[in-house]
Protein backbone atom coordinates (compact mmCIF):
# COMPACT_ATOMS: atom_id res chain seq x y z
CA MET A 1 16.49 149.33 59.60
CA VAL A 2 17.30 150.63 56.15
CA GLN A 3 15.65 148.85 53.21
CA SER A 4 19.00 147.66 51.88
CA GLU A 5 19.82 146.04 55.22
CA LYS A 6 16.51 144.23 55.10
CA GLN A 7 17.25 142.84 51.73
CA LEU A 8 20.48 141.25 52.99
CA LEU A 9 18.68 139.31 55.73
CA PRO A 10 18.06 135.66 54.75
CA THR A 11 14.59 134.16 55.36
CA ALA A 12 13.82 130.99 57.25
CA PHE A 13 13.11 127.90 55.19
CA ALA A 14 13.13 124.12 55.44
CA ARG A 15 13.95 121.74 52.63
CA ALA A 16 13.66 117.90 52.21
CA VAL A 17 16.14 116.04 50.03
CA ASN A 18 14.36 115.30 46.80
CA VAL A 19 14.66 115.28 43.06
CA GLU A 20 14.08 118.95 42.72
CA SER A 21 17.05 119.85 44.93
CA THR A 22 19.44 117.18 43.48
CA PHE A 23 21.46 117.55 40.31
CA ALA A 24 23.95 115.36 38.42
CA TYR A 25 27.40 117.00 38.05
CA MET A 26 30.43 115.42 36.46
CA GLY A 27 29.13 111.84 37.21
CA SER A 28 28.29 112.70 40.89
CA LEU A 29 25.14 113.83 42.65
CA MET A 30 24.80 117.22 44.47
CA THR A 31 21.82 117.98 46.69
CA PHE A 32 21.39 121.70 47.55
CA LEU A 33 20.24 121.95 51.21
CA ALA A 34 20.64 125.78 51.28
CA LYS A 35 21.27 128.00 48.20
CA GLY A 36 23.17 131.27 48.14
CA SER A 37 19.95 132.86 46.91
CA GLU A 38 18.12 131.75 50.10
CA THR A 39 20.81 132.90 52.46
CA SER A 40 21.44 136.38 50.80
CA GLY A 41 24.72 135.06 49.35
CA ARG A 42 26.25 134.41 52.73
CA PHE A 43 26.62 130.58 52.16
CA ALA A 44 25.33 127.49 50.44
CA LEU A 45 25.19 124.07 51.79
CA MET A 46 25.21 120.83 49.65
CA GLU A 47 25.55 117.12 50.02
CA PHE A 48 27.90 115.70 47.45
CA HIS A 49 27.85 111.92 46.55
CA THR A 50 30.83 110.91 44.47
CA LYS A 51 32.84 107.92 43.14
CA ARG A 52 36.47 107.79 43.02
CA GLY A 53 37.68 109.53 39.87
CA ASN A 54 34.62 111.87 39.63
CA GLU A 55 36.04 114.65 41.92
CA PRO A 56 36.30 118.16 40.68
CA PRO A 57 39.53 119.25 38.96
CA PRO A 58 41.91 121.69 40.77
CA HIS A 59 40.17 125.10 41.04
CA ILE A 60 39.98 128.49 42.76
CA HIS A 61 37.05 130.20 44.40
CA GLU A 62 37.36 133.92 43.96
CA ARG A 63 34.39 134.96 46.09
CA GLU A 64 33.58 132.18 48.61
CA HIS A 65 35.31 129.95 51.19
CA GLU A 66 34.78 126.19 50.90
CA LEU A 67 34.24 123.69 53.77
CA TYR A 68 34.04 119.94 53.49
CA PHE A 69 32.69 117.50 55.98
CA VAL A 70 33.04 113.86 55.23
CA LEU A 71 30.06 111.68 56.05
CA GLU A 72 31.16 108.30 54.35
CA GLY A 73 34.25 106.99 52.74
CA THR A 74 37.62 108.62 52.82
CA MET A 75 38.72 111.76 50.97
CA ARG A 76 42.15 113.37 50.36
CA PHE A 77 42.20 117.20 50.02
CA TYR A 78 45.06 119.29 48.52
CA CYS A 79 45.63 123.03 48.92
CA GLU A 80 48.96 124.81 48.36
CA ASP A 81 51.62 122.54 50.07
CA LYS A 82 49.14 120.89 52.41
CA ILE A 83 47.46 117.45 52.10
CA TRP A 84 44.74 116.15 54.42
CA THR A 85 43.22 112.69 54.42
CA LEU A 86 39.79 112.80 56.01
CA ALA A 87 37.67 109.87 57.32
CA PRO A 88 34.03 110.33 58.37
CA ALA A 89 33.25 113.11 60.86
CA ARG A 90 36.42 115.11 59.76
CA SER A 91 36.40 118.46 58.00
CA SER A 92 38.67 120.71 55.95
CA SER A 93 38.38 124.45 54.94
CA PHE A 94 39.85 126.22 51.92
CA PRO A 95 39.81 130.09 52.07
CA ARG A 96 38.76 131.92 49.01
CA ALA A 97 41.32 133.08 46.50
CA ARG A 98 43.91 130.57 47.65
CA PRO A 99 45.99 128.68 45.02
CA MET A 100 44.15 125.80 43.32
CA HIS A 101 42.65 123.13 45.66
CA SER A 102 41.39 119.64 44.72
CA SER A 103 40.13 116.49 46.37
CA ALA A 104 40.46 112.76 45.64
CA GLY A 105 38.30 109.88 46.78
CA LEU A 106 40.34 107.12 48.38
CA MET A 107 37.56 104.57 48.44
CA SER A 108 35.06 103.56 45.76
CA TYR A 109 32.42 105.98 47.26
CA ALA A 110 32.42 109.10 49.33
CA ARG A 111 29.82 111.44 50.79
């Protein structure tokens, strides 16, 4: 295997949810379960606790896809001319470089 190929391989790791992996962002809490730096930039995984009204504004991801999986509460997601309302155990996906997408909490709390 060429050295550059080895550098692209992610390493195995385990992480507990704790204060060191959790950050406040726009009135919500984000816990990083896997960071891009730990997966050679292939993906990141986070748990996002939010209250209605604290959702991110419409935005575009130029480099990465985005996938949501609702654990608690109900969320509404918008992308192009599509609208999805997701209850727990439902997911939605937004391909990179698509027109702006956004989300909105429909209950007082979502995770």
